[in-house]
Amino acid sequence: MKRRYVTVDVFTDRMFGGNPLAVVLDAGGLSTAQMQAIAREFNYSETTFVLPPRDAAHDAEVRIFTVNSEIPFAGHPNVGTAFVLASRGDTSPARLEFEEKAGLVPVEILRENGRVVGAELTAPQALKRMTRLGVDQAAACLSVSAGDIVVERHPPHIVSVGLPFLVVELASRDALRRARPDAAAFARIFPRDDSDAVYFYTCDVPPAEQPSDLQARMFHPGASGLSEDPATGSATVAIAALLADLDARRDGELSLTIGQGVDMGRPSLLLTRVRKQAGAVVSAHVGGCCVNVMEGIFHLAGAE
């Protein structure tokens, strides 16, 4: 069987920005080992595989692989996969619902002048606050000083709405720019609470990088050691949920525009909104634009 694939850049409105994603459209019959090998061949931060849903009430089962392993949920793979599926049909749905390891993931399709331009996901799980880490531990992972880390709103903290990340606030845009991943510190600290990645951000956003409310970066283990992600939807929606949970407002919708990837030449823009009722977070969302890049066909012998 011929397998179709599409690659897209996610959380950007222009080619070669944002976070690249490969979407394999005809994944039925592929084994887990074959999916992992294909993801490693694409060598993107994630590759998705679209399968028929287990429940006909849903639109697809989506499996997500990094170059190293399958993961239960991720942000830009959901946004990009929904964009691809909605862009290819004669009639485009307003909403898709994906079955994933972390649960059901609803994704709303974003349009401009009737044209599909992106998507917005709803996090599949409620906000979970897990292990808190010391400032010195977090600083070591990022090769910054303890004084560069802000703890007034929250300490370095592993949080999740489907995939866990250590989140760290930095005091300045300069500290964000200077940060470098330290392999020895990562090895001492991770994995912990099923997390192996650090998402760090600052509220110190220069005028040239606005309308972003925050600027962020994310370090994680890749195929050849520690690497950086240009746009991390699952971490972005988790930090949005955390900041909304910490906000004194008890009801309403809190929105943040978050930039990422600027320091690695792949600028990304992620749009978040979090709904609160009676002081509790009831839903968290992240979305953005996508751009088609490539498409093609491959044949994998023995996978029918």
C-alpha atoms as a PDB file:
ATOM      1  CA  MET A   1       0.000   0.000   0.000  1.00  0.00           C
ATOM      2  CA  LYS A   2       1.181   3.493  -0.817  1.00  0.00           C
ATOM      3  CA  ARG A   3       1.316   5.795   2.170  1.00  0.00           C
ATOM      4  CA  ARG A   4       0.608   9.486   1.672  1.00  0.00           C
ATOM      5  CA  TYR A   5       2.303  12.072   3.818  1.00  0.00           C
ATOM      6  CA  VAL A   6       2.185  15.842   4.194  1.00  0.00           C
ATOM      7  CA  THR A   7       4.594  18.136   6.009  1.00  0.00           C
ATOM      8  CA  VAL A   8       3.474  21.427   7.507  1.00  0.00           C
ATOM      9  CA  ASP A   9       4.989  24.250   9.520  1.00  0.00           C
ATOM     10  CA  VAL A  10       2.859  24.831  12.621  1.00  0.00           C
ATOM     11  CA  PHE A  11       2.276  28.018  14.650  1.00  0.00           C
ATOM     12  CA  THR A  12       3.384  30.262  11.805  1.00  0.00           C
ATOM     13  CA  ASP A  13       1.864  32.001   8.792  1.00  0.00           C
ATOM     14  CA  ARG A  14       4.951  31.576   6.602  1.00  0.00           C
ATOM     15  CA  MET A  15       6.999  28.672   5.311  1.00  0.00           C
ATOM     16  CA  PHE A  16      10.161  27.772   7.266  1.00  0.00           C
ATOM     17  CA  GLY A  17       8.896  29.323  10.475  1.00  0.00           C
ATOM     18  CA  GLY A  18       7.172  27.551  13.338  1.00  0.00           C
ATOM     19  CA  ASN A  19       7.606  23.857  14.093  1.00  0.00           C
ATOM     20  CA  PRO A  20       7.730  21.329  11.220  1.00  0.00           C
ATOM     21  CA  LEU A  21       5.501  18.260  11.384  1.00  0.00           C
ATOM     22  CA  ALA A  22       5.114  15.185   9.209  1.00  0.00           C
ATOM     23  CA  VAL A  23       1.599  13.698   8.942  1.00  0.00           C
ATOM     24  CA  VAL A  24       1.238  10.148   7.588  1.00  0.00           C
ATOM     25  CA  LEU A  25      -2.322   9.928   6.291  1.00  0.00           C
ATOM     26  CA  ASP A  26      -2.689   6.205   5.562  1.00  0.00           C
ATOM     27  CA  ALA A  27      -1.265   4.594   8.691  1.00  0.00           C
ATOM     28  CA  GLY A  28      -3.565   1.578   8.933  1.00  0.00           C
ATOM     29  CA  GLY A  29      -1.591  -1.665   9.012  1.00  0.00           C
ATOM     30  CA  LEU A  30       1.662  -0.101  10.194  1.00  0.00           C
ATOM     31  CA  SER A  31       3.168  -1.644  13.307  1.00  0.00           C
ATOM     32  CA  THR A  32       4.403   0.437  16.212  1.00  0.00           C
ATOM     33  CA  ALA A  33       7.986  -0.421  15.247  1.00  0.00           C
ATOM     34  CA  GLN A  34       7.372   0.721  11.680  1.00  0.00           C
ATOM     35  CA  MET A  35       5.829   3.986  12.845  1.00  0.00           C
ATOM     36  CA  GLN A  36       8.845   4.610  15.056  1.00  0.00           C
ATOM     37  CA  ALA A  37      11.227   3.909  12.168  1.00  0.00           C
ATOM     38  CA  ILE A  38       9.297   6.286   9.884  1.00  0.00           C
ATOM     39  CA  ALA A  39       9.336   9.021  12.535  1.00  0.00           C
ATOM     40  CA  ARG A  40      13.079   8.564  12.907  1.00  0.00           C
ATOM     41  CA  GLU A  41      13.459   8.827   9.122  1.00  0.00           C
ATOM     42  CA  PHE A  42      11.551  12.123   8.970  1.00  0.00           C
ATOM     43  CA  ASN A  43      13.688  13.301  11.907  1.00  0.00           C
ATOM     44  CA  TYR A  44      11.241  16.006  12.958  1.00  0.00           C
ATOM     45  CA  SER A  45      10.468  16.644  16.601  1.00  0.00           C
ATOM     46  CA  GLU A  46       7.195  14.741  16.021  1.00  0.00           C
ATOM     47  CA  THR A  47       5.460  12.737  13.307  1.00  0.00           C
ATOM     48  CA  THR A  48       1.781  11.808  13.450  1.00  0.00           C
ATOM     49  CA  PHE A  49       0.036   8.738  12.082  1.00  0.00           C
ATOM     50  CA  VAL A  50      -3.644   8.991  11.200  1.00  0.00           C
ATOM     51  CA  LEU A  51      -5.713   5.831  11.670  1.00  0.00           C
ATOM     52  CA  PRO A  52      -9.454   5.062  11.588  1.00  0.00           C
ATOM     53  CA  PRO A  53     -11.108   5.881  14.921  1.00  0.00           C
ATOM     54  CA  ARG A  54     -11.864   3.098  17.360  1.00  0.00           C
ATOM     55  CA  ASP A  55     -15.214   4.794  18.011  1.00  0.00           C
ATOM     56  CA  ALA A  56     -17.134   5.983  14.937  1.00  0.00           C
ATOM     57  CA  ALA A  57     -18.287   9.048  16.888  1.00  0.00           C
ATOM     58  CA  HIS A  58     -14.724  10.403  16.605  1.00  0.00           C
ATOM     59  CA  ASP A  59     -12.793  11.497  13.532  1.00  0.00           C
ATOM     60  CA  ALA A  60      -9.498   9.632  13.783  1.00  0.00           C
ATOM     61  CA  GLU A  61      -7.058   7.900  16.043  1.00  0.00           C
ATOM     62  CA  VAL A  62      -3.815   9.864  16.027  1.00  0.00           C
ATOM     63  CA  ARG A  63      -0.555   8.395  17.244  1.00  0.00           C
ATOM     64  CA  ILE A  64       2.352  10.739  17.906  1.00  0.00           C
ATOM     65  CA  PHE A  65       6.027   9.762  17.745  1.00  0.00           C
ATOM     66  CA  THR A  66       9.220  11.633  18.450  1.00  0.00           C
ATOM     67  CA  VAL A  67      12.421  10.266  16.953  1.00  0.00           C
ATOM     68  CA  ASN A  68      12.860   8.250  20.156  1.00  0.00           C
ATOM     69  CA  SER A  69       9.428   7.125  21.355  1.00  0.00           C
ATOM     70  CA  GLU A  70       5.657   7.398  21.195  1.00  0.00           C
ATOM     71  CA  ILE A  71       4.118  10.112  23.370  1.00  0.00           C
ATOM     72  CA  PRO A  72       0.538  10.411  24.679  1.00  0.00           C
ATOM     73  CA  PHE A  73      -0.168  13.980  23.586  1.00  0.00           C
ATOM     74  CA  ALA A  74       1.522  16.971  21.991  1.00  0.00           C
ATOM     75  CA  GLY A  75       0.467  20.401  20.830  1.00  0.00           C
ATOM     76  CA  HIS A  76       1.794  21.160  17.381  1.00  0.00           C
ATOM     77  CA  PRO A  77       1.082  17.607  16.107  1.00  0.00           C
ATOM     78  CA  ASN A  78      -2.617  18.034  16.912  1.00  0.00           C
ATOM     79  CA  VAL A  79      -2.848  21.523  15.433  1.00  0.00           C
ATOM     80  CA  GLY A  80      -0.931  20.494  12.296  1.00  0.00           C
ATOM     81  CA  THR A  81      -2.776  17.200  11.791  1.00  0.00           C
ATOM     82  CA  ALA A  82      -6.175  18.897  12.110  1.00  0.00           C
ATOM     83  CA  PHE A  83      -5.073  21.568   9.632  1.00  0.00           C
ATOM     84  CA  VAL A  84      -3.979  18.918   7.125  1.00  0.00           C
ATOM     85  CA  LEU A  85      -7.176  16.873   7.414  1.00  0.00           C
ATOM     86  CA  ALA A  86      -9.451  19.920   7.250  1.00  0.00           C
ATOM     87  CA  SER A  87      -7.584  21.322   4.231  1.00  0.00           C
ATOM     88  CA  ARG A  88      -7.879  18.208   2.086  1.00  0.00           C
ATOM     89  CA  GLY A  89     -11.612  17.564   1.949  1.00  0.00           C
ATOM     90  CA  ASP A  90     -14.199  19.139  -0.348  1.00  0.00           C
ATOM     91  CA  THR A  91     -16.173  20.102   2.749  1.00  0.00           C
ATOM     92  CA  SER A  92     -14.158  21.163   5.754  1.00  0.00           C
ATOM     93  CA  PRO A  93     -15.418  20.345   9.256  1.00  0.00           C
ATOM     94  CA  ALA A  94     -15.652  23.011  11.942  1.00  0.00           C
ATOM     95  CA  ARG A  95     -14.261  20.624  14.542  1.00  0.00           C
ATOM     96  CA  LEU A  96     -12.374  17.331  14.724  1.00  0.00           C
ATOM     97  CA  GLU A  97     -12.003  14.961  17.642  1.00  0.00           C
ATOM     98  CA  PHE A  98      -8.912  12.759  17.915  1.00  0.00           C
ATOM     99  CA  GLU A  99      -8.406   9.639  19.978  1.00  0.00           C
ATOM    100  CA  GLU A 100      -4.966   9.726  21.614  1.00  0.00           C
ATOM    101  CA  LYS A 101      -3.091   7.983  24.408  1.00  0.00           C
ATOM    102  CA  ALA A 102      -3.833  10.911  26.748  1.00  0.00           C
ATOM    103  CA  GLY A 103      -7.567  10.891  25.934  1.00  0.00           C
ATOM    104  CA  LEU A 104      -9.886  12.623  23.481  1.00  0.00           C
ATOM    105  CA  VAL A 105      -8.500  15.814  21.941  1.00  0.00           C
ATOM    106  CA  PRO A 106     -11.042  18.206  20.383  1.00  0.00           C
ATOM    107  CA  VAL A 107      -9.589  20.528  17.744  1.00  0.00           C
ATOM    108  CA  GLU A 108     -11.405  23.545  16.306  1.00  0.00           C
ATOM    109  CA  ILE A 109     -10.574  24.573  12.745  1.00  0.00           C
ATOM    110  CA  LEU A 110      -9.502  28.201  12.236  1.00  0.00           C
ATOM    111  CA  ARG A 111     -10.519  30.006   9.046  1.00  0.00           C
ATOM    112  CA  GLU A 112      -9.955  33.358   7.401  1.00  0.00           C
ATOM    113  CA  ASN A 113     -12.267  34.390   4.547  1.00  0.00           C
ATOM    114  CA  GLY A 114     -13.536  30.819   4.357  1.00  0.00           C
ATOM    115  CA  ARG A 115     -10.036  29.339   3.997  1.00  0.00           C
ATOM    116  CA  VAL A 116      -8.562  26.896   6.538  1.00  0.00           C
ATOM    117  CA  VAL A 117      -5.535  28.627   8.114  1.00  0.00           C
ATOM    118  CA  GLY A 118      -4.893  26.696  11.329  1.00  0.00           C
ATOM    119  CA  ALA A 119      -6.450  24.998  14.327  1.00  0.00           C
ATOM    120  CA  GLU A 120      -6.929  25.256  18.087  1.00  0.00           C
ATOM    121  CA  LEU A 121      -6.835  22.281  20.437  1.00  0.00           C
ATOM    122  CA  THR A 122      -8.414  21.731  23.819  1.00  0.00           C
ATOM    123  CA  ALA A 123      -6.064  20.092  26.340  1.00  0.00           C
ATOM    124  CA  PRO A 124      -7.162  16.506  27.048  1.00  0.00           C
ATOM    125  CA  GLN A 125      -6.513  16.590  30.803  1.00  0.00           C
ATOM    126  CA  ALA A 126      -7.007  18.938  33.724  1.00  0.00           C
ATOM    127  CA  LEU A 127      -3.994  20.851  35.005  1.00  0.00           C
ATOM    128  CA  LYS A 128      -1.744  18.678  37.151  1.00  0.00           C
ATOM    129  CA  ARG A 129       0.902  20.207  39.414  1.00  0.00           C
ATOM    130  CA  MET A 130       3.631  17.739  40.199  1.00  0.00           C
ATOM    131  CA  THR A 131       7.170  17.949  41.563  1.00  0.00           C
ATOM    132  CA  ARG A 132       8.686  21.302  42.477  1.00  0.00           C
ATOM    133  CA  LEU A 133      12.410  21.661  41.832  1.00  0.00           C
ATOM    134  CA  GLY A 134      14.975  23.877  43.451  1.00  0.00           C
ATOM    135  CA  VAL A 135      16.093  27.071  41.770  1.00  0.00           C
ATOM    136  CA  ASP A 136      19.680  25.784  41.597  1.00  0.00           C
ATOM    137  CA  GLN A 137      18.543  22.596  39.820  1.00  0.00           C
ATOM    138  CA  ALA A 138      16.570  24.532  37.224  1.00  0.00           C
ATOM    139  CA  ALA A 139      19.382  27.061  36.726  1.00  0.00           C
ATOM    140  CA  ALA A 140      21.859  24.239  36.117  1.00  0.00           C
ATOM    141  CA  CYS A 141      19.668  22.715  33.390  1.00  0.00           C
ATOM    142  CA  LEU A 142      19.582  26.062  31.572  1.00  0.00           C
ATOM    143  CA  SER A 143      23.158  27.211  32.264  1.00  0.00           C
ATOM    144  CA  VAL A 144      21.920  30.423  33.881  1.00  0.00           C
ATOM    145  CA  SER A 145      22.403  31.797  37.382  1.00  0.00           C
ATOM    146  CA  ALA A 146      19.929  31.295  40.204  1.00  0.00           C
ATOM    147  CA  GLY A 147      19.374  35.053  40.129  1.00  0.00           C
ATOM    148  CA  ASP A 148      17.994  34.769  36.586  1.00  0.00           C
ATOM    149  CA  ILE A 149      15.044  32.701  37.840  1.00  0.00           C
ATOM    150  CA  VAL A 150      11.821  34.287  39.076  1.00  0.00           C
ATOM    151  CA  VAL A 151       9.798  32.490  41.766  1.00  0.00           C
ATOM    152  CA  GLU A 152       7.208  35.089  42.819  1.00  0.00           C
ATOM    153  CA  ARG A 153       4.388  33.453  40.854  1.00  0.00           C
ATOM    154  CA  HIS A 154       5.597  29.859  40.903  1.00  0.00           C
ATOM    155  CA  PRO A 155       8.792  27.936  41.592  1.00  0.00           C
ATOM    156  CA  PRO A 156      10.342  25.678  38.953  1.00  0.00           C
ATOM    157  CA  HIS A 157       7.521  23.190  38.699  1.00  0.00           C
ATOM    158  CA  ILE A 158       6.583  20.147  36.627  1.00  0.00           C
ATOM    159  CA  VAL A 159       3.053  20.644  35.273  1.00  0.00           C
ATOM    160  CA  SER A 160       0.924  18.878  32.701  1.00  0.00           C
ATOM    161  CA  VAL A 161      -2.360  18.980  30.798  1.00  0.00           C
ATOM    162  CA  GLY A 162      -1.483  15.782  28.942  1.00  0.00           C
ATOM    163  CA  LEU A 163       2.321  15.819  28.713  1.00  0.00           C
ATOM    164  CA  PRO A 164       4.544  16.956  31.626  1.00  0.00           C
ATOM    165  CA  PHE A 165       7.180  19.683  31.446  1.00  0.00           C
ATOM    166  CA  LEU A 166       9.352  21.462  33.968  1.00  0.00           C
ATOM    167  CA  VAL A 167       8.307  25.130  33.642  1.00  0.00           C
ATOM    168  CA  VAL A 168      10.629  27.914  34.733  1.00  0.00           C
ATOM    169  CA  GLU A 169      10.162  31.692  34.655  1.00  0.00           C
ATOM    170  CA  LEU A 170      13.219  33.822  33.853  1.00  0.00           C
ATOM    171  CA  ALA A 171      13.669  37.453  34.829  1.00  0.00           C
ATOM    172  CA  SER A 172      14.769  38.876  31.493  1.00  0.00           C
ATOM    173  CA  ARG A 173      14.800  38.439  27.746  1.00  0.00           C
ATOM    174  CA  ASP A 174      18.583  38.466  27.962  1.00  0.00           C
ATOM    175  CA  ALA A 175      18.567  35.442  30.290  1.00  0.00           C
ATOM    176  CA  LEU A 176      16.204  33.642  27.922  1.00  0.00           C
ATOM    177  CA  ARG A 177      18.583  34.320  25.046  1.00  0.00           C
ATOM    178  CA  ARG A 178      21.685  33.216  27.014  1.00  0.00           C
ATOM    179  CA  ALA A 179      20.257  29.890  28.176  1.00  0.00           C
ATOM    180  CA  ARG A 180      21.950  26.689  26.979  1.00  0.00           C
ATOM    181  CA  PRO A 181      21.033  23.095  27.862  1.00  0.00           C
ATOM    182  CA  ASP A 182      23.455  21.345  30.234  1.00  0.00           C
ATOM    183  CA  ALA A 183      23.571  17.597  29.568  1.00  0.00           C
ATOM    184  CA  ALA A 184      25.012  16.669  32.970  1.00  0.00           C
ATOM    185  CA  ALA A 185      22.290  18.596  34.802  1.00  0.00           C
ATOM    186  CA  PHE A 186      19.574  17.032  32.655  1.00  0.00           C
ATOM    187  CA  ALA A 187      20.972  13.576  33.433  1.00  0.00           C
ATOM    188  CA  ARG A 188      20.883  14.296  37.192  1.00  0.00           C
ATOM    189  CA  ILE A 189      17.353  15.653  37.222  1.00  0.00           C
ATOM    190  CA  PHE A 190      15.423  13.777  34.535  1.00  0.00           C
ATOM    191  CA  PRO A 191      13.333  11.795  33.958  1.00  0.00           C
ATOM    192  CA  ARG A 192      10.999  12.875  36.742  1.00  0.00           C
ATOM    193  CA  ASP A 193       7.196  12.658  36.778  1.00  0.00           C
ATOM    194  CA  ASP A 194       7.520  11.251  33.234  1.00  0.00           C
ATOM    195  CA  SER A 195       9.051  14.568  32.167  1.00  0.00           C
ATOM    196  CA  ASP A 196      12.398  15.015  30.436  1.00  0.00           C
ATOM    197  CA  ALA A 197      12.050  18.575  29.099  1.00  0.00           C
ATOM    198  CA  VAL A 198      12.312  22.171  30.329  1.00  0.00           C
ATOM    199  CA  TYR A 199      10.014  24.923  29.093  1.00  0.00           C
ATOM    200  CA  PHE A 200      11.148  28.380  30.203  1.00  0.00           C
ATOM    201  CA  TYR A 201       9.740  31.819  29.554  1.00  0.00           C
ATOM    202  CA  THR A 202       9.949  35.500  30.384  1.00  0.00           C
ATOM    203  CA  CYS A 203       7.437  38.331  30.634  1.00  0.00           C
ATOM    204  CA  ASP A 204      10.215  40.762  29.630  1.00  0.00           C
ATOM    205  CA  VAL A 205       9.222  41.122  25.963  1.00  0.00           C
ATOM    206  CA  PRO A 206      10.853  43.935  23.936  1.00  0.00           C
ATOM    207  CA  PRO A 207       8.614  46.056  21.670  1.00  0.00           C
ATOM    208  CA  ALA A 208      10.059  44.411  18.538  1.00  0.00           C
ATOM    209  CA  GLU A 209       8.744  41.012  19.692  1.00  0.00           C
ATOM    210  CA  GLN A 210       5.247  42.153  20.572  1.00  0.00           C
ATOM    211  CA  PRO A 211       2.288  41.377  20.350  1.00  0.00           C
ATOM    212  CA  SER A 212       3.675  38.432  22.347  1.00  0.00           C
ATOM    213  CA  ASP A 213       2.860  38.640  26.046  1.00  0.00           C
ATOM    214  CA  LEU A 214       5.615  36.103  26.830  1.00  0.00           C
ATOM    215  CA  GLN A 215       8.675  34.791  25.007  1.00  0.00           C
ATOM    216  CA  ALA A 216       9.575  31.140  25.586  1.00  0.00           C
ATOM    217  CA  ARG A 217      12.018  28.374  24.712  1.00  0.00           C
ATOM    218  CA  MET A 218      12.066  24.622  25.308  1.00  0.00           C
ATOM    219  CA  PHE A 219      14.956  22.141  25.631  1.00  0.00           C
ATOM    220  CA  HIS A 220      14.411  18.402  25.313  1.00  0.00           C
ATOM    221  CA  PRO A 221      16.360  15.226  24.475  1.00  0.00           C
ATOM    222  CA  GLY A 222      16.443  14.622  20.715  1.00  0.00           C
ATOM    223  CA  ALA A 223      17.883  11.936  18.477  1.00  0.00           C
ATOM    224  CA  SER A 224      21.418  13.232  18.908  1.00  0.00           C
ATOM    225  CA  GLY A 225      21.354  14.676  22.417  1.00  0.00           C
ATOM    226  CA  LEU A 226      19.684  17.757  23.813  1.00  0.00           C
ATOM    227  CA  SER A 227      17.944  19.983  21.309  1.00  0.00           C
ATOM    228  CA  GLU A 228      15.527  22.906  21.138  1.00  0.00           C
ATOM    229  CA  ASP A 229      11.910  22.977  20.001  1.00  0.00           C
ATOM    230  CA  PRO A 230      10.723  26.013  18.022  1.00  0.00           C
ATOM    231  CA  ALA A 231       7.054  25.779  19.123  1.00  0.00           C
ATOM    232  CA  THR A 232       5.708  23.553  21.900  1.00  0.00           C
ATOM    233  CA  GLY A 233       1.929  23.607  22.071  1.00  0.00           C
ATOM    234  CA  SER A 234       1.574  21.067  24.880  1.00  0.00           C
ATOM    235  CA  ALA A 235       3.916  23.024  27.154  1.00  0.00           C
ATOM    236  CA  THR A 236       2.415  26.350  26.124  1.00  0.00           C
ATOM    237  CA  VAL A 237      -1.124  25.291  27.003  1.00  0.00           C
ATOM    238  CA  ALA A 238       0.157  23.877  30.313  1.00  0.00           C
ATOM    239  CA  ILE A 239       1.825  27.158  31.316  1.00  0.00           C
ATOM    240  CA  ALA A 240      -1.263  29.090  30.211  1.00  0.00           C
ATOM    241  CA  ALA A 241      -3.395  26.855  32.447  1.00  0.00           C
ATOM    242  CA  LEU A 242      -0.960  27.284  35.354  1.00  0.00           C
ATOM    243  CA  LEU A 243      -0.852  31.082  35.045  1.00  0.00           C
ATOM    244  CA  ALA A 244      -4.629  31.238  34.783  1.00  0.00           C
ATOM    245  CA  ASP A 245      -4.951  29.020  37.853  1.00  0.00           C
ATOM    246  CA  LEU A 246      -2.665  31.403  39.758  1.00  0.00           C
ATOM    247  CA  ASP A 247      -4.572  34.474  38.566  1.00  0.00           C
ATOM    248  CA  ALA A 248      -6.855  36.064  41.164  1.00  0.00           C
ATOM    249  CA  ARG A 249      -9.768  36.298  38.742  1.00  0.00           C
ATOM    250  CA  ARG A 250     -12.348  33.627  39.467  1.00  0.00           C
ATOM    251  CA  ASP A 251     -14.396  33.694  36.274  1.00  0.00           C
ATOM    252  CA  GLY A 252     -13.902  34.483  32.607  1.00  0.00           C
ATOM    253  CA  GLU A 253     -11.447  33.752  29.837  1.00  0.00           C
ATOM    254  CA  LEU A 254      -7.750  34.594  30.128  1.00  0.00           C
ATOM    255  CA  SER A 255      -5.772  34.900  26.896  1.00  0.00           C
ATOM    256  CA  LEU A 256      -2.027  35.016  26.238  1.00  0.00           C
ATOM    257  CA  THR A 257      -0.047  35.332  23.015  1.00  0.00           C
ATOM    258  CA  ILE A 258       3.250  33.483  23.359  1.00  0.00           C
ATOM    259  CA  GLY A 259       6.266  33.707  21.081  1.00  0.00           C
ATOM    260  CA  GLN A 260       8.785  30.891  20.719  1.00  0.00           C
ATOM    261  CA  GLY A 261      11.559  29.875  18.324  1.00  0.00           C
ATOM    262  CA  VAL A 262      12.806  33.427  17.763  1.00  0.00           C
ATOM    263  CA  ASP A 263      16.337  32.692  18.993  1.00  0.00           C
ATOM    264  CA  MET A 264      16.688  29.674  16.691  1.00  0.00           C
ATOM    265  CA  GLY A 265      15.463  31.415  13.532  1.00  0.00           C
ATOM    266  CA  ARG A 266      12.032  29.754  13.421  1.00  0.00           C
ATOM    267  CA  PRO A 267       9.702  32.368  14.918  1.00  0.00           C
ATOM    268  CA  SER A 268       6.407  30.962  16.155  1.00  0.00           C
ATOM    269  CA  LEU A 269       3.252  32.510  17.577  1.00  0.00           C
ATOM    270  CA  LEU A 270       0.975  30.477  19.856  1.00  0.00           C
ATOM    271  CA  LEU A 271      -2.440  31.771  20.910  1.00  0.00           C
ATOM    272  CA  THR A 272      -3.774  30.519  24.233  1.00  0.00           C
ATOM    273  CA  ARG A 273      -7.012  30.962  26.129  1.00  0.00           C
ATOM    274  CA  VAL A 274      -8.073  29.447  29.431  1.00  0.00           C
ATOM    275  CA  ARG A 275     -11.616  29.439  30.814  1.00  0.00           C
ATOM    276  CA  LYS A 276     -12.224  29.731  34.562  1.00  0.00           C
ATOM    277  CA  GLN A 277     -15.383  29.193  36.559  1.00  0.00           C
ATOM    278  CA  ALA A 278     -15.703  29.669  40.313  1.00  0.00           C
ATOM    279  CA  GLY A 279     -11.927  29.981  40.603  1.00  0.00           C
ATOM    280  CA  ALA A 280     -11.132  26.741  38.761  1.00  0.00           C
ATOM    281  CA  VAL A 281      -9.699  26.153  35.290  1.00  0.00           C
ATOM    282  CA  VAL A 282     -12.372  24.367  33.244  1.00  0.00           C
ATOM    283  CA  SER A 283     -10.655  24.261  29.846  1.00  0.00           C
ATOM    284  CA  ALA A 284      -7.326  25.241  28.296  1.00  0.00           C
ATOM    285  CA  HIS A 285      -6.695  25.850  24.596  1.00  0.00           C
ATOM    286  CA  VAL A 286      -3.815  26.633  22.272  1.00  0.00           C
ATOM    287  CA  GLY A 287      -3.866  27.293  18.553  1.00  0.00           C
ATOM    288  CA  GLY A 288      -2.285  29.069  15.661  1.00  0.00           C
ATOM    289  CA  CYS A 289      -1.720  29.198  11.938  1.00  0.00           C
ATOM    290  CA  CYS A 290      -0.162  26.493   9.746  1.00  0.00           C
ATOM    291  CA  VAL A 291       1.476  26.399   6.320  1.00  0.00           C
ATOM    292  CA  ASN A 292       1.698  23.452   3.908  1.00  0.00           C
ATOM    293  CA  VAL A 293       5.289  22.659   2.902  1.00  0.00           C
ATOM    294  CA  MET A 294       5.620  19.281   1.162  1.00  0.00           C
ATOM    295  CA  GLU A 295       3.618  16.193   0.302  1.00  0.00           C
ATOM    296  CA  GLY A 296       4.459  12.846  -1.194  1.00  0.00           C
ATOM    297  CA  ILE A 297       4.073   9.067  -1.177  1.00  0.00           C
ATOM    298  CA  PHE A 298       6.221   6.263   0.172  1.00  0.00           C
ATOM    299  CA  HIS A 299       5.893   2.495   0.011  1.00  0.00           C
ATOM    300  CA  LEU A 300       6.996   0.429   2.969  1.00  0.00           C
ATOM    301  CA  ALA A 301       7.615  -3.177   1.949  1.00  0.00           C
ATOM    302  CA  GLY A 302       5.775  -5.687   4.111  1.00  0.00           C
ATOM    303  CA  ALA A 303       3.376  -3.122   5.569  1.00  0.00           C
ATOM    304  CA  GLU A 304       0.012  -3.814   3.912  1.00  0.00           C
END
